[in-house]
């Protein structure tokens, strides 16, 4: 199991346990075949759900406290949501390392439509592995960026059900259904 470093080590604003978070991150990483050390920084002061890859090598992740929260119990840790968040970030790292994403822009230059499309593809793969899911949430986000059309729904299904698409394939699917 990979070693995981969680910052902060103790929490004051949320009822999280760094050791439990580390175990969940390690479990997801192991299921995805990630064996190297992972550093996770959590901004416990933010109830938002933002998350990002800070570094691909070494693996450094950053999340708002809300990205790990149980949506039914505010300020409480949510294992399912954490698996989804961490899994999506780790799959993005694996995608970038695969060679299929060499032509993808850096994360901070991605458009919202591109992020939505890539997220669908990542979370669809997580769902098939039994790690994450939230298909309805991802469909709504995708429709908000690509339109509430049958064409957008077909593109969503293609992204969700495909395994290991390249960046150019994700971009082609995304561009093909965007409303003007």
N, C-alpha and C. Protein backbone atom coordinates (compact mmCIF):
# COMPACT_ATOMS: atom_id res chain seq x y z
N UNK A 1 0.84 -1.17 0.00
CA UNK A 1 0.00 0.00 0.00
C UNK A 1 0.89 1.25 0.00
N UNK A 2 0.54 2.26 -0.79
CA UNK A 2 1.37 3.46 -0.84
C UNK A 2 1.33 4.24 0.47
N UNK A 3 2.42 4.94 0.73
CA UNK A 3 2.48 5.81 1.91
C UNK A 3 1.75 7.10 1.58
N UNK A 4 0.94 7.59 2.52
CA UNK A 4 0.17 8.81 2.30
C UNK A 4 0.47 9.79 3.43
N UNK A 5 0.76 11.01 3.06
CA UNK A 5 0.99 12.09 4.02
C UNK A 5 -0.18 13.06 3.91
N UNK A 6 -0.87 13.30 5.04
CA UNK A 6 -2.03 14.19 5.06
C UNK A 6 -1.70 15.43 5.90
N UNK A 7 -1.98 16.61 5.33
CA UNK A 7 -1.79 17.88 6.03
C UNK A 7 -3.12 18.62 6.03
N UNK A 8 -3.59 19.08 7.17
CA UNK A 8 -2.96 19.06 8.48
C UNK A 8 -3.09 17.68 9.14
N UNK A 9 -2.31 17.48 10.18
CA UNK A 9 -2.36 16.21 10.90
C UNK A 9 -3.55 16.14 11.84
N UNK A 10 -4.04 17.29 12.27
CA UNK A 10 -5.26 17.34 13.10
C UNK A 10 -6.12 18.50 12.60
N UNK A 11 -7.40 18.38 12.83
CA UNK A 11 -8.37 19.33 12.29
C UNK A 11 -9.10 20.05 13.42
N UNK A 12 -9.42 21.31 13.18
CA UNK A 12 -10.12 22.11 14.18
C UNK A 12 -11.51 22.50 13.75
N UNK A 13 -11.74 22.66 12.45
CA UNK A 13 -13.02 23.15 11.95
C UNK A 13 -13.95 22.04 11.46
N UNK A 14 -13.37 20.91 11.13
CA UNK A 14 -14.16 19.76 10.67
C UNK A 14 -13.79 18.54 11.51
N UNK A 15 -14.66 17.57 11.51
CA UNK A 15 -14.43 16.36 12.31
C UNK A 15 -13.82 15.27 11.44
N UNK A 16 -12.59 15.52 11.00
CA UNK A 16 -11.85 14.59 10.16
C UNK A 16 -10.70 14.00 10.97
N UNK A 17 -10.27 12.82 10.53
CA UNK A 17 -9.14 12.15 11.15
C UNK A 17 -8.11 11.89 10.04
N UNK A 18 -6.93 12.48 10.16
CA UNK A 18 -5.91 12.37 9.12
C UNK A 18 -5.54 10.91 8.84
N UNK A 19 -5.52 10.08 9.86
CA UNK A 19 -5.17 8.67 9.67
C UNK A 19 -6.23 7.96 8.82
N UNK A 20 -7.49 8.24 9.07
CA UNK A 20 -8.58 7.62 8.29
C UNK A 20 -8.53 8.11 6.85
N UNK A 21 -8.28 9.40 6.67
CA UNK A 21 -8.18 9.95 5.32
C UNK A 21 -7.02 9.27 4.58
N UNK A 22 -5.89 9.13 5.27
CA UNK A 22 -4.74 8.47 4.67
C UNK A 22 -5.05 7.04 4.23
N UNK A 23 -5.82 6.33 5.06
CA UNK A 23 -6.20 4.95 4.72
C UNK A 23 -7.08 4.92 3.47
N UNK A 24 -8.02 5.86 3.37
CA UNK A 24 -8.91 5.90 2.20
C UNK A 24 -8.11 6.24 0.94
N UNK A 25 -7.21 7.21 1.04
CA UNK A 25 -6.38 7.58 -0.11
C UNK A 25 -5.52 6.39 -0.54
N UNK A 26 -4.91 5.71 0.42
CA UNK A 26 -4.06 4.55 0.11
C UNK A 26 -4.87 3.43 -0.53
N UNK A 27 -6.08 3.20 -0.03
CA UNK A 27 -6.95 2.16 -0.58
C UNK A 27 -7.28 2.45 -2.05
N UNK A 28 -7.66 3.70 -2.33
CA UNK A 28 -8.00 4.07 -3.71
C UNK A 28 -6.77 3.96 -4.61
N UNK A 29 -5.64 4.46 -4.12
CA UNK A 29 -4.41 4.39 -4.90
C UNK A 29 -4.05 2.94 -5.22
N UNK A 30 -4.14 2.09 -4.23
CA UNK A 30 -3.81 0.68 -4.44
C UNK A 30 -4.73 0.05 -5.48
N UNK A 31 -6.02 0.35 -5.43
CA UNK A 31 -6.97 -0.20 -6.40
C UNK A 31 -6.67 0.29 -7.82
N UNK A 32 -6.08 1.49 -7.91
CA UNK A 32 -5.74 2.04 -9.23
C UNK A 32 -4.33 1.67 -9.68
N UNK A 33 -3.59 0.98 -8.82
CA UNK A 33 -2.24 0.57 -9.17
C UNK A 33 -1.18 1.63 -8.92
N UNK A 34 -1.50 2.62 -8.12
CA UNK A 34 -0.53 3.67 -7.78
C UNK A 34 0.21 3.21 -6.53
N UNK A 35 1.52 3.07 -6.63
CA UNK A 35 2.30 2.53 -5.52
C UNK A 35 3.20 3.54 -4.84
N UNK A 36 3.35 4.72 -5.43
CA UNK A 36 4.28 5.70 -4.87
C UNK A 36 3.63 6.55 -3.78
N UNK A 37 4.46 7.30 -3.08
CA UNK A 37 3.99 8.15 -2.00
C UNK A 37 3.07 9.24 -2.52
N UNK A 38 2.06 9.57 -1.72
CA UNK A 38 1.08 10.60 -2.07
C UNK A 38 1.02 11.61 -0.94
N UNK A 39 1.05 12.88 -1.31
CA UNK A 39 0.87 13.95 -0.34
C UNK A 39 -0.47 14.62 -0.61
N UNK A 40 -1.27 14.76 0.44
CA UNK A 40 -2.59 15.38 0.33
C UNK A 40 -2.67 16.55 1.29
N UNK A 41 -2.93 17.73 0.75
CA UNK A 41 -3.12 18.91 1.58
C UNK A 41 -4.60 19.27 1.55
N UNK A 42 -5.17 19.50 2.73
CA UNK A 42 -6.59 19.80 2.87
C UNK A 42 -6.75 21.19 3.46
N UNK A 43 -7.57 22.02 2.79
CA UNK A 43 -7.92 23.33 3.34
C UNK A 43 -9.22 23.15 4.11
N UNK A 44 -9.11 22.87 5.39
CA UNK A 44 -10.29 22.57 6.19
C UNK A 44 -11.21 23.77 6.38
N UNK A 45 -10.71 24.97 6.13
CA UNK A 45 -11.51 26.18 6.32
C UNK A 45 -12.53 26.39 5.21
N UNK A 46 -12.34 25.71 4.09
CA UNK A 46 -13.23 25.91 2.95
C UNK A 46 -14.26 24.78 2.84
N UNK A 47 -15.54 25.15 2.82
CA UNK A 47 -16.59 24.13 2.65
C UNK A 47 -16.82 23.77 1.19
N UNK A 48 -16.07 24.42 0.30
CA UNK A 48 -16.23 24.15 -1.13
C UNK A 48 -15.67 22.77 -1.47
N UNK A 49 -15.87 22.34 -2.69
CA UNK A 49 -15.44 21.02 -3.10
C UNK A 49 -14.35 21.03 -4.15
N UNK A 50 -13.56 22.10 -4.19
CA UNK A 50 -12.50 22.17 -5.21
C UNK A 50 -11.40 21.17 -4.90
N UNK A 51 -10.75 20.72 -5.96
CA UNK A 51 -9.64 19.78 -5.81
C UNK A 51 -8.74 19.93 -7.02
N UNK A 52 -7.44 19.64 -6.82
CA UNK A 52 -6.54 19.73 -7.96
C UNK A 52 -5.30 18.90 -7.72
N UNK A 53 -4.67 18.57 -8.83
CA UNK A 53 -3.37 17.92 -8.80
C UNK A 53 -2.33 19.04 -8.76
N UNK A 54 -1.53 19.07 -7.71
CA UNK A 54 -0.48 20.07 -7.58
C UNK A 54 0.76 19.61 -8.34
N UNK A 55 1.05 18.31 -8.25
CA UNK A 55 2.23 17.75 -8.92
C UNK A 55 1.93 16.30 -9.32
N UNK A 56 2.41 15.94 -10.52
CA UNK A 56 2.27 14.56 -11.00
C UNK A 56 3.40 13.67 -10.52
N UNK A 57 4.55 14.28 -10.30
CA UNK A 57 5.72 13.51 -9.90
C UNK A 57 6.65 14.38 -9.07
N UNK A 58 6.61 14.27 -7.77
CA UNK A 58 5.87 13.33 -6.94
C UNK A 58 4.38 13.70 -6.91
N UNK A 59 3.56 12.76 -6.47
CA UNK A 59 2.11 13.00 -6.44
C UNK A 59 1.78 13.89 -5.24
N UNK A 60 1.25 15.07 -5.57
CA UNK A 60 0.79 16.01 -4.56
C UNK A 60 -0.61 16.47 -4.96
N UNK A 61 -1.55 16.29 -4.03
CA UNK A 61 -2.94 16.66 -4.27
C UNK A 61 -3.35 17.73 -3.27
N UNK A 62 -4.30 18.56 -3.67
CA UNK A 62 -4.84 19.60 -2.80
C UNK A 62 -6.35 19.57 -2.92
N UNK A 63 -7.07 19.68 -1.79
CA UNK A 63 -8.53 19.71 -1.80
C UNK A 63 -9.05 20.70 -0.77
N UNK A 64 -10.21 21.27 -1.07
CA UNK A 64 -10.99 21.99 -0.06
C UNK A 64 -11.56 20.95 0.89
N UNK A 65 -11.81 21.34 2.12
CA UNK A 65 -12.39 20.42 3.08
C UNK A 65 -13.72 19.84 2.62
N UNK A 66 -14.50 20.63 1.89
CA UNK A 66 -15.78 20.16 1.40
C UNK A 66 -15.69 19.03 0.39
N UNK A 67 -14.54 18.86 -0.23
CA UNK A 67 -14.37 17.80 -1.22
C UNK A 67 -14.33 16.42 -0.57
N UNK A 68 -14.16 16.38 0.75
CA UNK A 68 -14.09 15.11 1.48
C UNK A 68 -15.26 14.95 2.45
N UNK A 69 -16.20 15.86 2.39
CA UNK A 69 -17.28 15.91 3.37
C UNK A 69 -18.44 14.98 3.02
N UNK A 70 -19.03 14.43 4.04
CA UNK A 70 -20.27 13.66 3.89
C UNK A 70 -21.37 14.67 3.60
N UNK A 71 -21.97 14.61 2.43
CA UNK A 71 -22.96 15.62 2.04
C UNK A 71 -24.23 15.54 2.89
N UNK A 72 -24.44 14.46 3.60
CA UNK A 72 -25.61 14.32 4.47
C UNK A 72 -25.33 14.78 5.90
N UNK A 73 -24.04 14.92 6.24
CA UNK A 73 -23.65 15.30 7.59
C UNK A 73 -22.54 16.34 7.52
N UNK A 74 -22.90 17.62 7.50
CA UNK A 74 -21.90 18.69 7.38
C UNK A 74 -20.77 18.56 8.41
N UNK A 75 -19.55 18.86 7.92
CA UNK A 75 -18.32 18.86 8.70
C UNK A 75 -17.87 17.46 9.12
N UNK A 76 -18.55 16.43 8.63
CA UNK A 76 -18.17 15.04 8.90
C UNK A 76 -17.50 14.47 7.65
N UNK A 77 -16.52 13.63 7.86
CA UNK A 77 -15.80 12.99 6.76
C UNK A 77 -16.71 12.02 6.01
N UNK A 78 -16.61 12.04 4.69
CA UNK A 78 -17.40 11.14 3.85
C UNK A 78 -16.49 10.24 3.04
N UNK A 79 -16.47 8.96 3.36
CA UNK A 79 -15.58 8.03 2.64
C UNK A 79 -15.93 7.94 1.16
N UNK A 80 -17.22 7.83 0.84
CA UNK A 80 -17.61 7.67 -0.57
C UNK A 80 -17.21 8.90 -1.39
N UNK A 81 -17.48 10.07 -0.87
CA UNK A 81 -17.12 11.29 -1.61
C UNK A 81 -15.61 11.42 -1.73
N UNK A 82 -14.90 11.03 -0.68
CA UNK A 82 -13.43 11.09 -0.72
C UNK A 82 -12.87 10.13 -1.75
N UNK A 83 -13.43 8.93 -1.82
CA UNK A 83 -12.97 7.97 -2.83
C UNK A 83 -13.16 8.53 -4.23
N UNK A 84 -14.30 9.16 -4.45
CA UNK A 84 -14.61 9.75 -5.75
C UNK A 84 -13.63 10.88 -6.08
N UNK A 85 -13.41 11.78 -5.12
CA UNK A 85 -12.52 12.92 -5.34
C UNK A 85 -11.08 12.48 -5.59
N UNK A 86 -10.57 11.65 -4.70
CA UNK A 86 -9.18 11.20 -4.81
C UNK A 86 -9.00 10.31 -6.04
N UNK A 87 -9.94 9.44 -6.28
CA UNK A 87 -9.87 8.56 -7.46
C UNK A 87 -9.82 9.35 -8.75
N UNK A 88 -10.64 10.38 -8.86
CA UNK A 88 -10.66 11.22 -10.07
C UNK A 88 -9.31 11.90 -10.26
N UNK A 89 -8.74 12.42 -9.19
CA UNK A 89 -7.43 13.08 -9.31
C UNK A 89 -6.34 12.09 -9.69
N UNK A 90 -6.36 10.91 -9.09
CA UNK A 90 -5.33 9.91 -9.41
C UNK A 90 -5.47 9.39 -10.84
N UNK A 91 -6.69 9.23 -11.31
CA UNK A 91 -6.87 8.79 -12.71
C UNK A 91 -6.36 9.87 -13.65
N UNK A 92 -6.55 11.14 -13.31
CA UNK A 92 -6.01 12.20 -14.15
C UNK A 92 -4.49 12.09 -14.23
N UNK A 93 -3.85 11.80 -13.10
CA UNK A 93 -2.39 11.62 -13.10
C UNK A 93 -2.01 10.45 -13.98
N UNK A 94 -2.71 9.33 -13.84
CA UNK A 94 -2.42 8.15 -14.66
C UNK A 94 -2.63 8.44 -16.14
N UNK A 95 -3.69 9.20 -16.46
CA UNK A 95 -3.93 9.59 -17.85
C UNK A 95 -2.75 10.40 -18.38
N UNK A 96 -2.33 11.40 -17.63
CA UNK A 96 -1.23 12.25 -18.09
C UNK A 96 0.07 11.47 -18.26
N UNK A 97 0.27 10.47 -17.45
CA UNK A 97 1.49 9.65 -17.55
C UNK A 97 1.41 8.61 -18.65
N UNK A 98 0.24 8.36 -19.18
CA UNK A 98 0.03 7.26 -20.14
C UNK A 98 0.59 7.52 -21.53
N UNK A 99 0.83 8.78 -21.86
CA UNK A 99 1.23 9.13 -23.22
C UNK A 99 0.04 9.50 -24.09
N UNK A 100 -1.17 9.14 -23.67
CA UNK A 100 -2.37 9.47 -24.44
C UNK A 100 -2.80 10.93 -24.23
N UNK A 101 -2.19 11.61 -23.25
CA UNK A 101 -2.58 12.97 -22.91
C UNK A 101 -1.44 13.96 -23.10
N UNK A 102 -0.47 13.59 -23.91
CA UNK A 102 0.67 14.47 -24.14
C UNK A 102 0.25 15.80 -24.78
N UNK A 103 -0.84 15.79 -25.54
CA UNK A 103 -1.31 17.01 -26.20
C UNK A 103 -2.33 17.79 -25.39
N UNK A 104 -2.63 17.35 -24.17
CA UNK A 104 -3.60 18.05 -23.32
C UNK A 104 -2.96 19.30 -22.72
N UNK A 105 -3.74 20.37 -22.62
CA UNK A 105 -3.21 21.57 -21.97
C UNK A 105 -2.94 21.31 -20.49
N UNK A 106 -2.09 22.11 -19.86
CA UNK A 106 -1.90 21.99 -18.41
C UNK A 106 -3.24 22.18 -17.69
N UNK A 107 -3.37 21.60 -16.51
CA UNK A 107 -4.64 21.66 -15.77
C UNK A 107 -5.16 23.08 -15.61
N UNK A 108 -4.27 24.03 -15.31
CA UNK A 108 -4.72 25.40 -15.07
C UNK A 108 -5.12 26.14 -16.34
N UNK A 109 -4.96 25.50 -17.49
CA UNK A 109 -5.38 26.11 -18.76
C UNK A 109 -6.59 25.41 -19.38
N UNK A 110 -7.12 24.40 -18.71
CA UNK A 110 -8.28 23.69 -19.24
C UNK A 110 -9.53 24.56 -19.17
N UNK A 111 -10.35 24.48 -20.20
CA UNK A 111 -11.64 25.17 -20.21
C UNK A 111 -12.63 24.34 -19.38
N UNK A 112 -13.69 24.99 -18.92
CA UNK A 112 -14.68 24.29 -18.11
C UNK A 112 -15.33 23.13 -18.86
N UNK A 113 -15.53 23.28 -20.17
CA UNK A 113 -16.10 22.18 -20.95
C UNK A 113 -15.14 20.99 -20.99
N UNK A 114 -13.84 21.27 -21.10
CA UNK A 114 -12.85 20.20 -21.12
C UNK A 114 -12.78 19.49 -19.77
N UNK A 115 -12.82 20.26 -18.71
CA UNK A 115 -12.81 19.67 -17.36
C UNK A 115 -14.02 18.77 -17.17
N UNK A 116 -15.19 19.26 -17.56
CA UNK A 116 -16.42 18.47 -17.40
C UNK A 116 -16.34 17.16 -18.18
N UNK A 117 -15.83 17.22 -19.41
CA UNK A 117 -15.74 16.01 -20.24
C UNK A 117 -14.74 15.02 -19.65
N UNK A 118 -13.59 15.50 -19.23
CA UNK A 118 -12.57 14.61 -18.66
C UNK A 118 -13.07 14.01 -17.34
N UNK A 119 -13.75 14.82 -16.53
CA UNK A 119 -14.31 14.30 -15.28
C UNK A 119 -15.29 13.15 -15.54
N UNK A 120 -16.13 13.30 -16.54
CA UNK A 120 -17.08 12.23 -16.88
C UNK A 120 -16.32 10.95 -17.21
N UNK A 121 -15.30 11.08 -18.02
CA UNK A 121 -14.52 9.91 -18.42
C UNK A 121 -13.81 9.27 -17.21
N UNK A 122 -13.26 10.09 -16.34
CA UNK A 122 -12.58 9.57 -15.13
C UNK A 122 -13.55 8.88 -14.19
N UNK A 123 -14.65 9.53 -13.89
CA UNK A 123 -15.59 8.99 -12.90
C UNK A 123 -16.33 7.77 -13.45
N UNK A 124 -16.55 7.73 -14.75
CA UNK A 124 -17.15 6.53 -15.35
C UNK A 124 -16.27 5.31 -15.13
N UNK A 125 -14.96 5.49 -15.29
CA UNK A 125 -14.02 4.39 -15.05
C UNK A 125 -14.00 4.01 -13.57
N UNK A 126 -14.05 5.02 -12.70
CA UNK A 126 -14.09 4.73 -11.26
C UNK A 126 -15.34 3.92 -10.90
N UNK A 127 -16.46 4.29 -11.49
CA UNK A 127 -17.71 3.57 -11.21
C UNK A 127 -17.60 2.10 -11.61
N UNK A 128 -16.99 1.84 -12.76
CA UNK A 128 -16.83 0.44 -13.19
C UNK A 128 -15.90 -0.34 -12.28
N UNK A 129 -14.98 0.36 -11.60
CA UNK A 129 -14.07 -0.29 -10.65
C UNK A 129 -14.69 -0.41 -9.25
N UNK A 130 -15.89 0.17 -9.08
CA UNK A 130 -16.55 0.13 -7.78
C UNK A 130 -15.97 1.11 -6.78
N UNK A 131 -15.26 2.12 -7.27
CA UNK A 131 -14.63 3.10 -6.38
C UNK A 131 -15.48 4.35 -6.21
N UNK A 132 -16.10 4.81 -7.26
CA UNK A 132 -16.86 6.05 -7.21
C UNK A 132 -18.13 5.92 -8.01
N UNK A 133 -18.65 7.06 -8.40
CA UNK A 133 -19.88 7.04 -9.16
C UNK A 133 -20.42 8.42 -9.42
N UNK A 134 -21.57 8.70 -8.88
CA UNK A 134 -22.23 9.99 -9.03
C UNK A 134 -22.55 10.30 -10.49
N UNK A 135 -23.13 9.34 -11.18
CA UNK A 135 -23.43 9.53 -12.60
C UNK A 135 -24.40 10.68 -12.83
N UNK A 136 -25.43 10.82 -12.02
CA UNK A 136 -26.39 11.90 -12.22
C UNK A 136 -25.75 13.27 -12.00
N UNK A 137 -24.89 13.37 -11.00
CA UNK A 137 -24.19 14.63 -10.74
C UNK A 137 -23.31 15.00 -11.93
N UNK A 138 -22.58 14.03 -12.45
CA UNK A 138 -21.69 14.29 -13.58
C UNK A 138 -22.49 14.62 -14.84
N UNK A 139 -23.64 13.97 -15.03
CA UNK A 139 -24.48 14.28 -16.19
C UNK A 139 -24.96 15.73 -16.13
N UNK A 140 -25.39 16.16 -14.95
CA UNK A 140 -25.86 17.54 -14.80
C UNK A 140 -24.74 18.53 -15.09
N UNK A 141 -23.55 18.28 -14.54
CA UNK A 141 -22.41 19.16 -14.80
C UNK A 141 -22.07 19.20 -16.29
N UNK A 142 -22.09 18.02 -16.91
CA UNK A 142 -21.78 17.94 -18.33
C UNK A 142 -22.80 18.72 -19.16
N UNK A 143 -24.08 18.55 -18.84
CA UNK A 143 -25.14 19.28 -19.56
C UNK A 143 -25.00 20.78 -19.38
N UNK A 144 -24.62 21.22 -18.19
CA UNK A 144 -24.44 22.66 -17.97
C UNK A 144 -23.36 23.24 -18.87
N UNK A 145 -22.38 22.47 -19.24
CA UNK A 145 -21.27 22.95 -20.07
C UNK A 145 -21.46 22.64 -21.55
N UNK A 146 -22.24 21.61 -21.86
CA UNK A 146 -22.36 21.16 -23.25
C UNK A 146 -23.77 21.28 -23.82
N UNK A 147 -24.74 21.62 -23.00
CA UNK A 147 -26.11 21.76 -23.47
C UNK A 147 -26.99 20.62 -23.01
N UNK A 148 -28.26 20.94 -22.87
CA UNK A 148 -29.26 19.95 -22.47
C UNK A 148 -29.91 19.40 -23.74
N UNK A 149 -29.14 18.61 -24.48
CA UNK A 149 -29.61 18.09 -25.75
C UNK A 149 -29.37 16.58 -25.82
N UNK A 150 -30.05 15.94 -26.76
CA UNK A 150 -29.82 14.51 -26.98
C UNK A 150 -28.39 14.26 -27.43
N UNK A 151 -27.84 15.17 -28.22
CA UNK A 151 -26.46 15.05 -28.69
C UNK A 151 -25.48 15.08 -27.51
N UNK A 152 -25.71 15.98 -26.57
CA UNK A 152 -24.85 16.06 -25.38
C UNK A 152 -25.00 14.80 -24.53
N UNK A 153 -26.22 14.29 -24.40
CA UNK A 153 -26.43 13.07 -23.62
C UNK A 153 -25.72 11.87 -24.26
N UNK A 154 -25.73 11.80 -25.59
CA UNK A 154 -25.03 10.72 -26.28
C UNK A 154 -23.52 10.84 -26.07
N UNK A 155 -23.01 12.07 -26.10
CA UNK A 155 -21.58 12.30 -25.85
C UNK A 155 -21.23 11.90 -24.41
N UNK A 156 -22.09 12.27 -23.47
CA UNK A 156 -21.87 11.90 -22.07
C UNK A 156 -21.75 10.38 -21.95
N UNK A 157 -22.70 9.67 -22.55
CA UNK A 157 -22.68 8.20 -22.47
C UNK A 157 -21.41 7.62 -23.08
N UNK A 158 -20.96 8.18 -24.18
CA UNK A 158 -19.73 7.70 -24.81
C UNK A 158 -18.53 7.91 -23.89
N UNK A 159 -18.44 9.08 -23.27
CA UNK A 159 -17.34 9.37 -22.34
C UNK A 159 -17.43 8.47 -21.10
N UNK A 160 -18.62 8.30 -20.56
CA UNK A 160 -18.83 7.52 -19.33
C UNK A 160 -18.49 6.04 -19.55
N UNK A 161 -18.88 5.50 -20.67
CA UNK A 161 -18.75 4.07 -20.91
C UNK A 161 -17.41 3.65 -21.52
N UNK A 162 -16.63 4.60 -22.00
CA UNK A 162 -15.35 4.28 -22.66
C UNK A 162 -14.25 4.08 -21.63
N UNK A 163 -13.30 3.25 -22.00
CA UNK A 163 -12.14 3.08 -21.13
C UNK A 163 -10.90 3.58 -21.85
N UNK A 164 -10.13 4.40 -21.14
CA UNK A 164 -8.84 4.87 -21.60
C UNK A 164 -8.87 5.57 -22.96
N UNK A 165 -9.70 6.59 -23.07
CA UNK A 165 -9.67 7.44 -24.25
C UNK A 165 -8.43 8.31 -24.21
N UNK A 166 -8.03 8.81 -25.36
CA UNK A 166 -6.93 9.77 -25.41
C UNK A 166 -7.51 11.17 -25.22
N UNK A 167 -6.61 12.14 -24.97
CA UNK A 167 -7.08 13.51 -24.83
C UNK A 167 -7.77 13.99 -26.10
N UNK A 168 -7.21 13.68 -27.26
CA UNK A 168 -7.81 14.15 -28.51
C UNK A 168 -9.20 13.53 -28.71
N UNK A 169 -9.40 12.29 -28.26
CA UNK A 169 -10.73 11.68 -28.37
C UNK A 169 -11.72 12.36 -27.43
N UNK A 170 -11.30 12.66 -26.21
CA UNK A 170 -12.19 13.36 -25.27
C UNK A 170 -12.55 14.74 -25.82
N UNK A 171 -11.56 15.44 -26.33
CA UNK A 171 -11.79 16.78 -26.89
C UNK A 171 -12.71 16.71 -28.10
N UNK A 172 -12.53 15.73 -28.96
CA UNK A 172 -13.40 15.58 -30.15
C UNK A 172 -14.85 15.34 -29.72
N UNK A 173 -15.06 14.46 -28.74
CA UNK A 173 -16.41 14.17 -28.26
C UNK A 173 -17.03 15.43 -27.64
N UNK A 174 -16.24 16.13 -26.83
CA UNK A 174 -16.72 17.34 -26.17
C UNK A 174 -17.09 18.43 -27.18
N UNK A 175 -16.22 18.67 -28.14
CA UNK A 175 -16.47 19.71 -29.14
C UNK A 175 -17.66 19.36 -30.03
N UNK A 176 -17.86 18.07 -30.26
CA UNK A 176 -18.91 17.63 -31.17
C UNK A 176 -20.31 17.83 -30.66
N UNK A 177 -20.47 18.14 -29.38
CA UNK A 177 -21.83 18.28 -28.86
C UNK A 177 -22.08 19.62 -28.21
N UNK A 178 -21.10 20.51 -28.23
CA UNK A 178 -21.28 21.83 -27.58
C UNK A 178 -22.32 22.67 -28.32
N UNK A 179 -23.15 23.32 -27.54
CA UNK A 179 -24.13 24.21 -28.14
C UNK A 179 -23.47 25.55 -28.41
N UNK A 180 -23.83 26.21 -29.51
CA UNK A 180 -23.19 27.47 -29.86
C UNK A 180 -23.52 28.59 -28.88
